[in-house]
């Protein structure tokens, strides 16, 4: 397991994310096509609130983590944030369906299907005890023009953690931090 290092002041990792984008020229019932997105392009020239979680459709992620950021989105925008991103080690299809199920209309869901971004962040953990395989540890960060300014990492970072801490990566903690700037 990669040890979590202090990444404040460092640039976000540059990896290719496999996404699906709506494209009416595709036609049919599923007018989407694959599009590779460089992770650094998501952050370039913007102020971003970013949070990562273990999995779509999982209890805390669905009942509190994503809903908290979705509900606080307008407040983030008033503080000068350009976008709020949610990343999970799930594929683009799962993230799309989870977004529909959650009625997420403001927070942008980012698929990290192979875990490349999560691994490069040093946040990939094994969750074999739950049958999940490799997943993201729960964290949030504030990023300006690709540079990590602040990161909140949940305590207990370890493979096969028997608990799912959710104390510091929530929307309220991030809002409180941003209000001090």
C-alpha atoms as a PDB file:
ATOM      1  CA  UNK A   1       0.000   0.000   0.000  1.00  0.00           C
ATOM      2  CA  UNK A   2       1.222   3.483  -0.861  1.00  0.00           C
ATOM      3  CA  UNK A   3       1.706   5.695   2.154  1.00  0.00           C
ATOM      4  CA  UNK A   4      -0.367   8.884   2.116  1.00  0.00           C
ATOM      5  CA  UNK A   5       1.970  11.828   1.794  1.00  0.00           C
ATOM      6  CA  UNK A   6       1.240  15.493   2.322  1.00  0.00           C
ATOM      7  CA  UNK A   7       0.300  16.634  -1.157  1.00  0.00           C
ATOM      8  CA  UNK A   8      -0.470  20.264  -0.346  1.00  0.00           C
ATOM      9  CA  UNK A   9       1.473  22.542  -2.662  1.00  0.00           C
ATOM     10  CA  UNK A  10       1.870  19.821  -5.289  1.00  0.00           C
ATOM     11  CA  UNK A  11       0.148  19.526  -8.648  1.00  0.00           C
ATOM     12  CA  UNK A  12      -2.658  17.027  -9.143  1.00  0.00           C
ATOM     13  CA  UNK A  13      -1.511  13.902 -10.994  1.00  0.00           C
ATOM     14  CA  UNK A  14      -1.884  13.798 -14.748  1.00  0.00           C
ATOM     15  CA  UNK A  15      -3.655  10.620 -15.850  1.00  0.00           C
ATOM     16  CA  UNK A  16      -6.125   9.752 -18.585  1.00  0.00           C
ATOM     17  CA  UNK A  17      -9.687   9.259 -17.353  1.00  0.00           C
ATOM     18  CA  UNK A  18     -12.072   7.239 -19.501  1.00  0.00           C
ATOM     19  CA  UNK A  19     -15.331   9.190 -19.662  1.00  0.00           C
ATOM     20  CA  UNK A  20     -18.567   9.056 -21.624  1.00  0.00           C
ATOM     21  CA  UNK A  21     -19.998  12.219 -23.187  1.00  0.00           C
ATOM     22  CA  UNK A  22     -23.356  12.844 -24.770  1.00  0.00           C
ATOM     23  CA  UNK A  23     -23.071  13.088 -28.557  1.00  0.00           C
ATOM     24  CA  UNK A  24     -26.305  13.287 -30.557  1.00  0.00           C
ATOM     25  CA  UNK A  25     -24.433  12.302 -33.723  1.00  0.00           C
ATOM     26  CA  UNK A  26     -24.091   8.793 -32.248  1.00  0.00           C
ATOM     27  CA  UNK A  27     -27.867   8.351 -32.419  1.00  0.00           C
ATOM     28  CA  UNK A  28     -29.955   5.593 -30.890  1.00  0.00           C
ATOM     29  CA  UNK A  29     -31.106   5.099 -27.321  1.00  0.00           C
ATOM     30  CA  UNK A  30     -27.624   5.629 -25.916  1.00  0.00           C
ATOM     31  CA  UNK A  31     -26.125   8.697 -27.664  1.00  0.00           C
ATOM     32  CA  UNK A  32     -22.810   8.661 -25.797  1.00  0.00           C
ATOM     33  CA  UNK A  33     -19.238   8.139 -26.921  1.00  0.00           C
ATOM     34  CA  UNK A  34     -15.981   7.467 -25.115  1.00  0.00           C
ATOM     35  CA  UNK A  35     -13.749  10.457 -24.494  1.00  0.00           C
ATOM     36  CA  UNK A  36     -10.349  10.427 -22.860  1.00  0.00           C
ATOM     37  CA  UNK A  37      -9.886  13.340 -20.459  1.00  0.00           C
ATOM     38  CA  UNK A  38      -6.557  14.368 -18.979  1.00  0.00           C
ATOM     39  CA  UNK A  39      -7.059  14.912 -15.273  1.00  0.00           C
ATOM     40  CA  UNK A  40      -4.979  18.102 -15.340  1.00  0.00           C
ATOM     41  CA  UNK A  41      -7.433  19.595 -17.864  1.00  0.00           C
ATOM     42  CA  UNK A  42     -10.198  19.296 -15.250  1.00  0.00           C
ATOM     43  CA  UNK A  43      -8.283  21.623 -12.915  1.00  0.00           C
ATOM     44  CA  UNK A  44      -6.492  23.983 -15.315  1.00  0.00           C
ATOM     45  CA  UNK A  45      -7.259  27.645 -14.642  1.00  0.00           C
ATOM     46  CA  UNK A  46     -10.023  26.844 -12.138  1.00  0.00           C
ATOM     47  CA  UNK A  47     -10.762  26.785  -8.433  1.00  0.00           C
ATOM     48  CA  UNK A  48     -12.015  23.281  -7.715  1.00  0.00           C
ATOM     49  CA  UNK A  49     -13.498  21.538  -4.708  1.00  0.00           C
ATOM     50  CA  UNK A  50     -12.812  17.844  -5.165  1.00  0.00           C
ATOM     51  CA  UNK A  51     -13.817  14.878  -3.062  1.00  0.00           C
ATOM     52  CA  UNK A  52     -13.190  11.188  -3.490  1.00  0.00           C
ATOM     53  CA  UNK A  53     -15.087   8.315  -1.993  1.00  0.00           C
ATOM     54  CA  UNK A  54     -15.020   4.502  -1.928  1.00  0.00           C
ATOM     55  CA  UNK A  55     -17.921   3.725  -4.197  1.00  0.00           C
ATOM     56  CA  UNK A  56     -21.096   4.695  -5.973  1.00  0.00           C
ATOM     57  CA  UNK A  57     -24.251   3.238  -4.455  1.00  0.00           C
ATOM     58  CA  UNK A  58     -22.511   2.563  -1.119  1.00  0.00           C
ATOM     59  CA  UNK A  59     -24.200   3.696   2.128  1.00  0.00           C
ATOM     60  CA  UNK A  60     -22.220   6.728   3.374  1.00  0.00           C
ATOM     61  CA  UNK A  61     -21.328   7.872  -0.127  1.00  0.00           C
ATOM     62  CA  UNK A  62     -25.006   7.859  -1.152  1.00  0.00           C
ATOM     63  CA  UNK A  63     -26.635   9.054   2.064  1.00  0.00           C
ATOM     64  CA  UNK A  64     -24.224  11.793   3.145  1.00  0.00           C
ATOM     65  CA  UNK A  65     -21.068  12.449   1.149  1.00  0.00           C
ATOM     66  CA  UNK A  66     -22.402  13.251  -2.347  1.00  0.00           C
ATOM     67  CA  UNK A  67     -25.720  14.694  -1.076  1.00  0.00           C
ATOM     68  CA  UNK A  68     -23.841  17.078   1.236  1.00  0.00           C
ATOM     69  CA  UNK A  69     -21.795  18.526  -1.601  1.00  0.00           C
ATOM     70  CA  UNK A  70     -24.782  18.664  -3.940  1.00  0.00           C
ATOM     71  CA  UNK A  71     -26.794  20.594  -1.307  1.00  0.00           C
ATOM     72  CA  UNK A  72     -23.861  22.983  -0.684  1.00  0.00           C
ATOM     73  CA  UNK A  73     -22.985  23.555  -4.335  1.00  0.00           C
ATOM     74  CA  UNK A  74     -24.472  27.061  -4.573  1.00  0.00           C
ATOM     75  CA  UNK A  75     -22.628  28.099  -1.418  1.00  0.00           C
ATOM     76  CA  UNK A  76     -19.344  26.885  -2.948  1.00  0.00           C
ATOM     77  CA  UNK A  77     -20.101  28.908  -6.087  1.00  0.00           C
ATOM     78  CA  UNK A  78     -20.667  32.048  -3.960  1.00  0.00           C
ATOM     79  CA  UNK A  79     -17.180  31.516  -2.506  1.00  0.00           C
ATOM     80  CA  UNK A  80     -15.658  31.632  -5.999  1.00  0.00           C
ATOM     81  CA  UNK A  81     -15.426  27.909  -6.682  1.00  0.00           C
ATOM     82  CA  UNK A  82     -15.719  27.080 -10.384  1.00  0.00           C
ATOM     83  CA  UNK A  83     -16.653  23.388 -10.062  1.00  0.00           C
ATOM     84  CA  UNK A  84     -17.217  20.629  -7.539  1.00  0.00           C
ATOM     85  CA  UNK A  85     -15.981  17.181  -8.581  1.00  0.00           C
ATOM     86  CA  UNK A  86     -16.694  13.792  -7.049  1.00  0.00           C
ATOM     87  CA  UNK A  87     -14.370  10.935  -7.971  1.00  0.00           C
ATOM     88  CA  UNK A  88     -14.752   7.227  -7.332  1.00  0.00           C
ATOM     89  CA  UNK A  89     -12.978   4.102  -8.534  1.00  0.00           C
ATOM     90  CA  UNK A  90     -15.999   3.137 -10.596  1.00  0.00           C
ATOM     91  CA  UNK A  91     -16.487   3.058 -14.359  1.00  0.00           C
ATOM     92  CA  UNK A  92     -18.282   5.746 -16.353  1.00  0.00           C
ATOM     93  CA  UNK A  93     -21.492   3.677 -16.625  1.00  0.00           C
ATOM     94  CA  UNK A  94     -21.786   3.184 -12.866  1.00  0.00           C
ATOM     95  CA  UNK A  95     -21.031   6.854 -12.138  1.00  0.00           C
ATOM     96  CA  UNK A  96     -23.653   7.952 -14.683  1.00  0.00           C
ATOM     97  CA  UNK A  97     -26.365   5.706 -13.198  1.00  0.00           C
ATOM     98  CA  UNK A  98     -25.437   6.699  -9.630  1.00  0.00           C
ATOM     99  CA  UNK A  99     -25.708  10.368 -10.594  1.00  0.00           C
ATOM    100  CA  UNK A 100     -29.189   9.761 -12.005  1.00  0.00           C
ATOM    101  CA  UNK A 101     -30.206   7.782  -8.913  1.00  0.00           C
ATOM    102  CA  UNK A 102     -28.872  10.525  -6.608  1.00  0.00           C
ATOM    103  CA  UNK A 103     -30.417  13.313  -8.735  1.00  0.00           C
ATOM    104  CA  UNK A 104     -26.969  14.936  -8.800  1.00  0.00           C
ATOM    105  CA  UNK A 105     -27.350  17.886 -11.133  1.00  0.00           C
ATOM    106  CA  UNK A 106     -24.561  20.209  -9.966  1.00  0.00           C
ATOM    107  CA  UNK A 107     -21.631  18.130  -8.737  1.00  0.00           C
ATOM    108  CA  UNK A 108     -19.701  16.584 -11.631  1.00  0.00           C
ATOM    109  CA  UNK A 109     -19.057  12.863 -11.198  1.00  0.00           C
ATOM    110  CA  UNK A 110     -15.636  11.704 -12.356  1.00  0.00           C
ATOM    111  CA  UNK A 111     -15.031   8.003 -13.117  1.00  0.00           C
ATOM    112  CA  UNK A 112     -11.632   6.589 -12.191  1.00  0.00           C
ATOM    113  CA  UNK A 113     -12.443   3.092 -13.385  1.00  0.00           C
ATOM    114  CA  UNK A 114      -8.887   1.762 -13.314  1.00  0.00           C
ATOM    115  CA  UNK A 115      -7.938   3.707 -10.190  1.00  0.00           C
ATOM    116  CA  UNK A 116      -5.093   5.509 -11.966  1.00  0.00           C
ATOM    117  CA  UNK A 117      -5.780   8.965 -10.479  1.00  0.00           C
ATOM    118  CA  UNK A 118      -6.450   7.471  -7.047  1.00  0.00           C
ATOM    119  CA  UNK A 119      -3.220   5.477  -7.165  1.00  0.00           C
ATOM    120  CA  UNK A 120      -1.210   8.528  -8.290  1.00  0.00           C
ATOM    121  CA  UNK A 121      -2.676  10.483  -5.364  1.00  0.00           C
ATOM    122  CA  UNK A 122      -1.481   7.739  -3.000  1.00  0.00           C
ATOM    123  CA  UNK A 123      -5.083   7.124  -1.951  1.00  0.00           C
ATOM    124  CA  UNK A 124      -5.738   3.652  -3.367  1.00  0.00           C
ATOM    125  CA  UNK A 125      -6.559   1.122  -0.647  1.00  0.00           C
ATOM    126  CA  UNK A 126      -7.613  -2.495  -0.729  1.00  0.00           C
ATOM    127  CA  UNK A 127     -11.177  -3.144   0.326  1.00  0.00           C
ATOM    128  CA  UNK A 128     -11.043  -6.895  -0.226  1.00  0.00           C
ATOM    129  CA  UNK A 129     -12.688  -7.372   3.173  1.00  0.00           C
ATOM    130  CA  UNK A 130     -15.860  -5.984   1.532  1.00  0.00           C
ATOM    131  CA  UNK A 131     -15.324  -7.588  -1.867  1.00  0.00           C
ATOM    132  CA  UNK A 132     -14.630  -4.193  -3.455  1.00  0.00           C
ATOM    133  CA  UNK A 133     -11.003  -4.660  -4.521  1.00  0.00           C
ATOM    134  CA  UNK A 134      -8.995  -1.440  -4.899  1.00  0.00           C
ATOM    135  CA  UNK A 135     -10.889   1.728  -3.999  1.00  0.00           C
ATOM    136  CA  UNK A 136     -10.266   5.316  -3.028  1.00  0.00           C
ATOM    137  CA  UNK A 137      -9.772   6.302   0.563  1.00  0.00           C
ATOM    138  CA  UNK A 138     -12.222   9.054   1.486  1.00  0.00           C
ATOM    139  CA  UNK A 139     -10.749  12.581   1.186  1.00  0.00           C
ATOM    140  CA  UNK A 140     -11.459  16.077  -0.109  1.00  0.00           C
ATOM    141  CA  UNK A 141      -9.238  18.821  -1.438  1.00  0.00           C
ATOM    142  CA  UNK A 142      -9.273  22.394  -2.621  1.00  0.00           C
ATOM    143  CA  UNK A 143      -7.303  22.872  -5.852  1.00  0.00           C
ATOM    144  CA  UNK A 144      -6.340  26.128  -7.589  1.00  0.00           C
ATOM    145  CA  UNK A 145      -5.118  25.897 -11.187  1.00  0.00           C
ATOM    146  CA  UNK A 146      -4.001  22.310 -10.667  1.00  0.00           C
ATOM    147  CA  UNK A 147      -2.191  22.914  -7.357  1.00  0.00           C
ATOM    148  CA  UNK A 148      -3.505  21.244  -4.210  1.00  0.00           C
ATOM    149  CA  UNK A 149      -3.960  24.024  -1.656  1.00  0.00           C
ATOM    150  CA  UNK A 150      -5.661  22.001   1.100  1.00  0.00           C
ATOM    151  CA  UNK A 151      -6.462  18.327   1.583  1.00  0.00           C
ATOM    152  CA  UNK A 152      -8.608  16.653   4.215  1.00  0.00           C
ATOM    153  CA  UNK A 153      -7.879  12.937   4.560  1.00  0.00           C
ATOM    154  CA  UNK A 154     -10.075  10.744   6.714  1.00  0.00           C
ATOM    155  CA  UNK A 155      -8.280   9.138   9.669  1.00  0.00           C
ATOM    156  CA  UNK A 156      -7.283   5.483   9.763  1.00  0.00           C
ATOM    157  CA  UNK A 157      -5.876   5.201   6.237  1.00  0.00           C
ATOM    158  CA  UNK A 158      -5.212   1.490   5.801  1.00  0.00           C
ATOM    159  CA  UNK A 159      -6.003  -1.464   3.600  1.00  0.00           C
ATOM    160  CA  UNK A 160      -9.142  -3.393   4.547  1.00  0.00           C
ATOM    161  CA  UNK A 161     -10.129  -0.837   7.179  1.00  0.00           C
ATOM    162  CA  UNK A 162     -12.998  -2.311   9.203  1.00  0.00           C
ATOM    163  CA  UNK A 163     -14.682   1.117   9.467  1.00  0.00           C
ATOM    164  CA  UNK A 164     -15.548   3.874   6.999  1.00  0.00           C
ATOM    165  CA  UNK A 165     -14.521   7.152   8.650  1.00  0.00           C
ATOM    166  CA  UNK A 166     -16.429  10.227   7.513  1.00  0.00           C
ATOM    167  CA  UNK A 167     -15.307  13.107   9.727  1.00  0.00           C
ATOM    168  CA  UNK A 168     -13.278  15.632   7.704  1.00  0.00           C
ATOM    169  CA  UNK A 169     -13.992  15.164   3.976  1.00  0.00           C
ATOM    170  CA  UNK A 170     -17.570  16.419   4.207  1.00  0.00           C
ATOM    171  CA  UNK A 171     -18.951  19.566   2.581  1.00  0.00           C
ATOM    172  CA  UNK A 172     -19.246  21.486   5.869  1.00  0.00           C
ATOM    173  CA  UNK A 173     -15.546  21.042   6.680  1.00  0.00           C
ATOM    174  CA  UNK A 174     -14.591  22.262   3.204  1.00  0.00           C
ATOM    175  CA  UNK A 175     -16.975  25.229   3.434  1.00  0.00           C
ATOM    176  CA  UNK A 176     -15.558  26.221   6.821  1.00  0.00           C
ATOM    177  CA  UNK A 177     -12.029  26.080   5.403  1.00  0.00           C
ATOM    178  CA  UNK A 178     -12.906  28.137   2.300  1.00  0.00           C
ATOM    179  CA  UNK A 179     -14.562  30.808   4.435  1.00  0.00           C
ATOM    180  CA  UNK A 180     -11.189  31.427   6.146  1.00  0.00           C
ATOM    181  CA  UNK A 181      -9.509  32.366   2.853  1.00  0.00           C
END
